[in-house]
């Protein structure tokens, strides 16, 4: 049974006004965005914000959700023919044509790099059968992630009645998507080589996110633009282990605003090392002992936060109900979930601290019967 190691639970306070908590006396940037937010990618804390809770159209940054659902659906490299009607859509495109053979992986590249509306629609039909059914999937996922200001109507970000999100919701969505290694690999690439067509052949796709080459440490995420939404940008940046996510909606100066917000963020936040409990253990079956001691090995944990102390962290062991002997020292047998103010920020492996062999059960040998006793028992059975 999973065992919790709780130090303390604190309520997280999110401030979506003009700024978050003041930690250092650093000049805050002035941005052109109608809505903006900078958060810790680890904790989700707001480092800086302007109207970050206001629902606005978010254009093609919508494709973060579409790509995430596509990656989570599996079978990424299985070839299939795109829906000819789905790809007949206006706006940006990855170049799909009727009859093209493609993979889900290629569609993800087509969404995150050239921001293909054709790729988004093809994904929606492949996963849900129709754009309408896919919108249901998107909104179910948004609810699961706690995106309270978000409502999806289209998979591409083209306007639909009620389609919109907040800067903070989009930052939390990006935080979730970036946990997926394939998502992170794609969105951090300036160019990618993929194959599609009839028959498939090699193409090069170019990323619309210029910030990747404009600011040191940027590794994503997605651009967006429509007349109604204006310029929208979701980005992520890591330096010296400090990991931040930035979102601007309706921002005519988004590249410069993101760089200014990152400059502020890297001067404001810090990396902290939580004090992981040293009495971690799980139930073990078939051994001389009932508990198996665990260790984090050489794993070290650094978390980007505004300010924190040990009372802000909670630890939970994720494992099967029992670990079965034999277990060797160094075997990975569980994971440790580290939460900050109620939100999981990291999972690290847990290893057996020492060898735990199978319990040896010895049987008491039966006492041998004498020859006279055997004859007596035999005669008794004959006359009974």
Protein backbone atom coordinates (compact mmCIF):
# COMPACT_ATOMS: atom_id res chain seq x y z
CA UNK A 1 0.00 0.00 0.00
CA UNK A 2 1.31 3.42 -0.86
CA UNK A 3 2.64 5.35 2.10
CA UNK A 4 2.66 9.13 2.36
CA UNK A 5 5.42 11.07 4.01
CA UNK A 6 3.83 14.43 4.72
CA UNK A 7 5.81 17.29 6.06
CA UNK A 8 3.13 19.94 5.66
CA UNK A 9 0.55 21.18 3.22
CA UNK A 10 0.24 24.84 2.39
CA UNK A 11 -2.41 26.53 0.27
CA UNK A 12 -0.95 28.05 -2.85
CA UNK A 13 -1.78 31.68 -3.47
CA UNK A 14 -1.85 32.76 -7.08
CA UNK A 15 -1.92 36.44 -7.88
CA UNK A 16 -3.22 37.40 -11.31
CA UNK A 17 -3.11 41.15 -10.94
CA UNK A 18 -0.27 43.34 -12.06
CA UNK A 19 2.42 41.17 -10.52
CA UNK A 20 3.10 38.26 -8.20
CA UNK A 21 5.04 38.29 -4.93
CA UNK A 22 7.87 40.77 -4.60
CA UNK A 23 10.98 38.83 -3.69
CA UNK A 24 13.72 41.23 -4.71
CA UNK A 25 13.75 44.92 -5.48
CA UNK A 26 13.99 44.45 -9.22
CA UNK A 27 12.29 46.66 -11.78
CA UNK A 28 9.35 44.85 -13.31
CA UNK A 29 9.06 44.88 -17.10
CA UNK A 30 6.37 46.83 -18.89
CA UNK A 31 4.79 44.72 -21.62
CA UNK A 32 2.49 45.44 -24.55
CA UNK A 33 0.38 42.33 -24.04
CA UNK A 34 -3.27 42.50 -23.12
CA UNK A 35 -2.59 39.46 -20.93
CA UNK A 36 0.73 38.01 -19.80
CA UNK A 37 2.19 35.63 -17.25
CA UNK A 38 5.56 34.21 -16.26
CA UNK A 39 5.55 31.09 -14.08
CA UNK A 40 7.97 28.58 -12.62
CA UNK A 41 7.85 25.50 -14.83
CA UNK A 42 8.39 23.41 -11.69
CA UNK A 43 5.91 24.81 -9.20
CA UNK A 44 3.47 26.76 -11.38
CA UNK A 45 4.02 29.85 -9.19
CA UNK A 46 3.33 33.17 -10.83
CA UNK A 47 6.50 35.24 -11.05
CA UNK A 48 5.01 38.11 -13.05
CA UNK A 49 1.59 38.75 -14.53
CA UNK A 50 -0.72 41.21 -16.25
CA UNK A 51 -4.42 40.29 -16.38
CA UNK A 52 -3.33 36.65 -16.50
CA UNK A 53 -6.77 35.30 -15.57
CA UNK A 54 -8.69 37.04 -18.39
CA UNK A 55 -10.19 34.75 -21.03
CA UNK A 56 -9.07 35.74 -24.53
CA UNK A 57 -8.74 34.07 -27.94
CA UNK A 58 -5.36 32.31 -28.10
CA UNK A 59 -5.08 31.49 -31.85
CA UNK A 60 -2.70 28.65 -32.78
CA UNK A 61 -1.33 28.20 -29.28
CA UNK A 62 -4.43 25.98 -29.17
CA UNK A 63 -2.31 23.39 -30.98
CA UNK A 64 -0.43 22.71 -27.74
CA UNK A 65 -3.51 20.83 -26.54
CA UNK A 66 -4.12 19.15 -29.92
CA UNK A 67 -0.51 17.94 -30.05
CA UNK A 68 -0.55 16.72 -26.46
CA UNK A 69 -3.68 14.62 -27.08
CA UNK A 70 -2.15 13.24 -30.26
CA UNK A 71 1.06 12.20 -28.48
CA UNK A 72 -0.89 10.60 -25.65
CA UNK A 73 -2.96 8.53 -28.11
CA UNK A 74 0.01 6.30 -29.02
CA UNK A 75 0.92 4.51 -32.29
CA UNK A 76 2.79 7.63 -33.39
CA UNK A 77 4.60 6.03 -36.31
CA UNK A 78 1.75 4.05 -37.86
CA UNK A 79 1.01 5.29 -41.38
CA UNK A 80 -2.52 6.25 -42.45
CA UNK A 81 -4.26 8.35 -45.09
CA UNK A 82 -5.38 11.81 -44.03
CA UNK A 83 -9.03 12.76 -44.25
CA UNK A 84 -9.38 14.70 -47.49
CA UNK A 85 -12.11 17.00 -46.18
CA UNK A 86 -10.42 17.75 -42.86
CA UNK A 87 -7.31 19.22 -44.48
CA UNK A 88 -9.29 21.67 -46.61
CA UNK A 89 -8.84 24.54 -44.16
CA UNK A 90 -7.60 28.13 -44.46
CA UNK A 91 -4.52 29.62 -42.88
CA UNK A 92 -1.13 28.15 -42.07
CA UNK A 93 -0.37 24.69 -43.39
CA UNK A 94 2.19 21.89 -43.30
CA UNK A 95 1.35 21.13 -46.94
CA UNK A 96 -0.98 18.13 -46.69
CA UNK A 97 -2.87 17.11 -49.82
CA UNK A 98 -5.74 14.72 -50.43
CA UNK A 99 -4.55 11.12 -50.39
CA UNK A 100 -1.37 11.85 -48.44
CA UNK A 101 0.03 9.11 -46.21
CA UNK A 102 1.18 10.48 -42.86
CA UNK A 103 1.94 9.50 -39.25
CA UNK A 104 0.72 11.08 -36.03
CA UNK A 105 4.31 12.03 -35.29
CA UNK A 106 4.55 13.96 -38.56
CA UNK A 107 1.26 15.70 -37.76
CA UNK A 108 2.65 16.77 -34.37
CA UNK A 109 5.68 18.25 -36.12
CA UNK A 110 3.36 19.94 -38.60
CA UNK A 111 1.36 21.53 -35.79
CA UNK A 112 4.21 22.72 -33.58
CA UNK A 113 6.62 24.00 -36.27
CA UNK A 114 4.77 25.55 -39.27
CA UNK A 115 1.53 25.67 -37.21
CA UNK A 116 -0.42 23.65 -39.75
CA UNK A 117 -4.18 24.02 -39.47
CA UNK A 118 -4.40 21.09 -41.89
CA UNK A 119 -2.36 18.97 -39.45
CA UNK A 120 -4.60 19.96 -36.53
CA UNK A 121 -7.80 19.04 -38.39
CA UNK A 122 -6.32 15.77 -39.65
CA UNK A 123 -5.34 14.91 -36.08
CA UNK A 124 -8.82 15.68 -34.77
CA UNK A 125 -10.55 13.45 -37.31
CA UNK A 126 -8.04 10.64 -36.81
CA UNK A 127 -8.43 10.67 -33.01
CA UNK A 128 -12.14 11.45 -32.62
CA UNK A 129 -13.85 11.03 -35.99
CA UNK A 130 -14.87 14.68 -36.25
CA UNK A 131 -13.82 18.17 -35.16
CA UNK A 132 -16.80 18.37 -32.82
CA UNK A 133 -15.97 15.11 -31.05
CA UNK A 134 -12.35 16.17 -30.73
CA UNK A 135 -13.40 19.44 -29.08
CA UNK A 136 -15.06 17.32 -26.39
CA UNK A 137 -11.77 15.49 -25.85
CA UNK A 138 -9.94 18.80 -25.59
CA UNK A 139 -12.34 20.21 -23.03
CA UNK A 140 -12.28 17.02 -20.98
CA UNK A 141 -8.49 17.29 -20.82
CA UNK A 142 -8.72 20.97 -19.92
CA UNK A 143 -11.04 20.11 -17.04
CA UNK A 144 -8.66 17.36 -15.90
CA UNK A 145 -5.81 19.90 -15.78
CA UNK A 146 -7.91 22.48 -13.92
CA UNK A 147 -7.96 25.03 -16.75
CA UNK A 148 -10.93 26.99 -15.47
CA UNK A 149 -10.84 29.79 -18.05
CA UNK A 150 -10.39 27.57 -21.10
CA UNK A 151 -12.88 26.39 -23.71
CA UNK A 152 -11.95 24.73 -26.99
CA UNK A 153 -14.08 24.74 -30.14
CA UNK A 154 -11.52 24.09 -32.87
CA UNK A 155 -8.33 21.97 -32.88
CA UNK A 156 -6.34 24.64 -34.75
CA UNK A 157 -7.20 27.85 -32.95
CA UNK A 158 -9.26 29.33 -35.75
CA UNK A 159 -12.05 31.29 -34.11
CA UNK A 160 -15.17 29.56 -32.84
CA UNK A 161 -17.88 30.86 -30.54
CA UNK A 162 -16.49 30.71 -27.00
CA UNK A 163 -13.05 29.47 -28.03
CA UNK A 164 -10.53 30.99 -25.66
CA UNK A 165 -8.25 30.68 -22.66
CA UNK A 166 -6.26 32.75 -20.18
CA UNK A 167 -2.53 33.36 -20.14
CA UNK A 168 -2.24 31.45 -16.87
CA UNK A 169 -4.23 28.46 -18.19
CA UNK A 170 -2.03 28.32 -21.28
CA UNK A 171 1.08 28.38 -19.10
CA UNK A 172 -0.22 25.44 -17.05
CA UNK A 173 -1.13 23.59 -20.26
CA UNK A 174 2.39 24.15 -21.61
CA UNK A 175 3.83 22.97 -18.29
CA UNK A 176 1.91 19.71 -18.66
CA UNK A 177 2.79 19.25 -22.34
CA UNK A 178 6.50 19.80 -21.72
CA UNK A 179 6.54 16.80 -19.40
CA UNK A 180 6.21 14.74 -22.59
CA UNK A 181 9.73 14.22 -23.95
CA UNK A 182 8.58 13.97 -27.57
CA UNK A 183 6.59 17.20 -27.30
CA UNK A 184 9.61 18.96 -25.85
CA UNK A 185 11.91 17.60 -28.55
CA UNK A 186 9.64 18.78 -31.35
CA UNK A 187 8.81 22.26 -30.05
CA UNK A 188 12.48 23.00 -29.29
CA UNK A 189 13.59 22.27 -32.88
CA UNK A 190 14.11 25.12 -35.33
CA UNK A 191 13.70 22.69 -38.24
CA UNK A 192 12.65 19.05 -38.51
CA UNK A 193 12.80 16.41 -41.22
CA UNK A 194 9.59 14.40 -41.65
CA UNK A 195 8.05 12.19 -44.31
CA UNK A 196 4.54 12.37 -45.75
CA UNK A 197 2.89 12.37 -49.17
CA UNK A 198 1.64 9.78 -51.63
CA UNK A 199 4.00 8.02 -51.55
CA UNK A 200 5.68 9.61 -48.49
CA UNK A 201 8.91 11.49 -49.10
CA UNK A 202 11.23 13.63 -46.97
CA UNK A 203 10.28 17.24 -46.22
CA UNK A 204 11.83 19.92 -44.01
CA UNK A 205 9.54 21.89 -41.69
CA UNK A 206 10.57 25.25 -40.21
CA UNK A 207 9.54 26.51 -36.78
CA UNK A 208 7.69 29.85 -36.64
CA UNK A 209 9.06 30.48 -33.12
CA UNK A 210 11.92 32.94 -33.71
CA UNK A 211 12.55 33.20 -29.98
CA UNK A 212 14.39 29.87 -30.16
CA UNK A 213 17.37 31.66 -31.74
CA UNK A 214 16.86 35.09 -30.18
CA UNK A 215 17.29 34.32 -26.48
CA UNK A 216 19.65 31.89 -24.79
CA UNK A 217 17.93 28.91 -23.19
CA UNK A 218 14.56 29.08 -24.98
CA UNK A 219 13.28 25.59 -25.86
CA UNK A 220 9.69 26.13 -27.02
CA UNK A 221 6.78 26.32 -27.30
CA UNK A 222 4.21 27.74 -29.79
CA UNK A 223 3.28 30.86 -31.72
CA UNK A 224 -0.19 31.99 -32.76
CA UNK A 225 -1.92 34.74 -34.71
CA UNK A 226 -5.39 35.64 -35.96
CA UNK A 227 -6.97 39.03 -36.55
CA UNK A 228 -9.15 38.57 -33.49
CA UNK A 229 -6.51 37.15 -31.14
CA UNK A 230 -3.57 39.25 -32.29
CA UNK A 231 -0.07 37.89 -31.75
CA UNK A 232 0.06 35.11 -29.15
CA UNK A 233 3.15 33.35 -27.86
CA UNK A 234 3.87 30.56 -25.39
CA UNK A 235 7.55 29.99 -24.66
CA UNK A 236 9.78 28.16 -22.18
CA UNK A 237 13.32 28.91 -21.13
CA UNK A 238 15.90 27.22 -18.89
CA UNK A 239 19.19 28.59 -17.61
CA UNK A 240 21.43 27.13 -14.93
CA UNK A 241 18.64 24.79 -13.90
CA UNK A 242 16.09 27.59 -13.52
CA UNK A 243 13.05 26.70 -15.65
CA UNK A 244 10.40 29.27 -16.62
CA UNK A 245 7.32 29.42 -18.87
CA UNK A 246 6.04 32.66 -20.40
CA UNK A 247 2.73 33.44 -22.14
CA UNK A 248 1.50 36.60 -23.84
CA UNK A 249 -1.89 37.03 -25.52
CA UNK A 250 -2.68 39.86 -27.93
CA UNK A 251 0.84 41.29 -27.86
CA UNK A 252 2.24 43.32 -30.74
CA UNK A 253 5.76 43.16 -29.24
CA UNK A 254 5.83 39.55 -28.07
CA UNK A 255 9.47 38.64 -28.80
CA UNK A 256 10.85 41.56 -26.81
CA UNK A 257 8.27 41.22 -24.06
CA UNK A 258 9.17 37.56 -23.50
CA UNK A 259 12.86 38.40 -23.31
CA UNK A 260 12.18 41.21 -20.82
CA UNK A 261 10.02 38.93 -18.67
CA UNK A 262 12.72 36.25 -18.69
CA UNK A 263 15.35 38.81 -17.69
CA UNK A 264 13.16 39.70 -14.73
CA UNK A 265 12.40 36.08 -13.89
CA UNK A 266 15.99 34.90 -13.83
CA UNK A 267 16.82 37.68 -11.38
CA UNK A 268 13.79 36.95 -9.20
CA UNK A 269 13.51 33.18 -8.76
CA UNK A 270 16.04 30.69 -7.44
CA UNK A 271 16.69 26.98 -7.32
CA UNK A 272 16.00 25.30 -4.01
CA UNK A 273 16.80 21.78 -2.82
CA UNK A 274 14.05 20.09 -0.79
CA UNK A 275 15.17 18.02 2.19
CA UNK A 276 14.02 14.54 1.13
CA UNK A 277 13.07 12.25 4.08
CA UNK A 278 15.65 9.59 4.91
CA UNK A 279 13.18 7.02 6.29
CA UNK A 280 11.58 5.94 3.02
CA UNK A 281 10.39 2.32 2.78
CA UNK A 282 7.77 0.07 1.18
CA UNK A 283 6.11 -3.22 2.05
CA UNK A 284 8.05 -6.31 0.98
CA UNK A 285 6.67 -9.84 0.69
CA UNK A 286 8.52 -13.13 0.92
CA UNK A 287 11.48 -11.77 2.89
CA UNK A 288 12.75 -11.96 6.47
CA UNK A 289 11.52 -8.39 7.02
CA UNK A 290 8.18 -6.69 6.32
CA UNK A 291 9.67 -3.39 5.12
CA UNK A 292 12.22 -2.59 2.43
CA UNK A 293 14.32 0.53 2.99
CA UNK A 294 14.68 2.85 -0.01
CA UNK A 295 17.20 5.41 -1.16
CA UNK A 296 17.27 8.07 -3.86
CA UNK A 297 20.79 7.02 -4.81
CA UNK A 298 22.75 9.84 -6.38
CA UNK A 299 19.60 11.70 -7.45
CA UNK A 300 19.60 15.37 -6.51
CA UNK A 301 16.55 17.58 -6.82
CA UNK A 302 16.51 21.28 -7.59
CA UNK A 303 13.21 23.13 -7.94
CA UNK A 304 12.65 26.59 -9.40
CA UNK A 305 10.61 28.66 -6.96
CA UNK A 306 10.08 32.20 -5.75
CA UNK A 307 10.61 31.34 -2.11
CA UNK A 308 10.05 28.16 -0.18
CA UNK A 309 10.86 26.30 2.99
CA UNK A 310 10.46 22.68 4.03
CA UNK A 311 6.87 23.20 5.13
CA UNK A 312 5.88 23.78 1.49
CA UNK A 313 6.82 20.25 0.38
CA UNK A 314 4.98 16.95 0.52
CA UNK A 315 6.41 13.53 -0.34
CA UNK A 316 4.56 10.44 -1.51
CA UNK A 317 5.93 7.04 -2.47
CA UNK A 318 4.41 5.63 -5.65
CA UNK A 319 4.73 1.84 -5.73
CA UNK A 320 2.89 -1.47 -6.03
CA UNK A 321 1.15 -2.71 -2.83
CA UNK A 322 4.07 -5.09 -2.25
CA UNK A 323 7.59 -5.52 -3.56
CA UNK A 324 8.39 -9.22 -3.80
CA UNK A 325 11.70 -10.67 -2.67
CA UNK A 326 14.37 -11.28 -3.76
CA UNK A 327 15.49 -7.68 -4.29
CA UNK A 328 19.03 -6.56 -4.96
CA UNK A 329 20.55 -3.36 -3.63
CA UNK A 330 20.18 -0.69 -6.32
CA UNK A 331 17.05 -2.18 -7.94
CA UNK A 332 14.51 0.52 -8.82
CA UNK A 333 11.34 -0.48 -6.95
CA UNK A 334 9.31 2.74 -6.58
CA UNK A 335 9.13 6.45 -7.31
CA UNK A 336 9.01 9.46 -5.02
CA UNK A 337 6.48 12.15 -5.91
CA UNK A 338 7.51 15.60 -4.67
CA UNK A 339 4.72 18.18 -4.40
CA UNK A 340 5.01 21.88 -3.71
CA UNK A 341 1.94 23.49 -2.17
CA UNK A 342 -0.23 20.60 -3.36
CA UNK A 343 1.06 20.46 -6.95
CA UNK A 344 3.42 17.69 -8.07
CA UNK A 345 6.69 19.16 -9.25
CA UNK A 346 8.95 16.14 -9.70
CA UNK A 347 9.14 12.35 -9.63
CA UNK A 348 12.42 10.61 -8.95
CA UNK A 349 13.29 6.89 -8.81
CA UNK A 350 13.70 5.06 -5.51
CA UNK A 351 16.09 2.13 -5.14
CA UNK A 352 16.42 -0.76 -2.71
CA UNK A 353 19.00 0.19 -0.08
CA UNK A 354 20.32 -3.35 0.44
CA UNK A 355 19.92 -6.93 -0.74
CA UNK A 356 16.71 -8.53 0.46
CA UNK A 357 16.74 -12.30 -0.15
CA UNK A 358 13.79 -14.68 -0.07
CA UNK A 359 12.88 -15.96 3.37
CA UNK A 360 14.02 -19.57 3.73
CA UNK A 361 11.45 -21.80 5.43
CA UNK A 362 12.88 -24.99 6.95
CA UNK A 363 10.69 -28.04 7.63
CA UNK A 364 11.19 -30.25 10.71
CA UNK A 365 12.18 -33.72 9.43
CA UNK A 366 9.75 -36.52 10.20
CA UNK A 367 10.94 -39.05 12.79
CA UNK A 368 11.56 -42.42 11.13
CA UNK A 369 9.47 -45.37 12.37
CA UNK A 370 11.18 -48.47 13.72
CA UNK A 371 10.69 -51.83 11.97
CA UNK A 372 8.57 -53.14 14.92
CA UNK A 373 6.38 -50.01 14.74
CA UNK A 374 5.86 -50.45 11.02
CA UNK A 375 4.85 -54.18 11.53
CA UNK A 376 2.48 -53.18 14.33
CA UNK A 377 0.82 -50.49 12.20
CA UNK A 378 0.47 -52.95 9.28
CA UNK A 379 -1.15 -55.64 11.43
CA UNK A 380 -3.45 -53.05 12.94
CA UNK A 381 -4.69 -52.00 9.52
CA UNK A 382 -5.32 -55.63 8.49
CA UNK A 383 -7.49 -56.44 11.53
CA UNK A 384 -9.34 -53.14 11.67
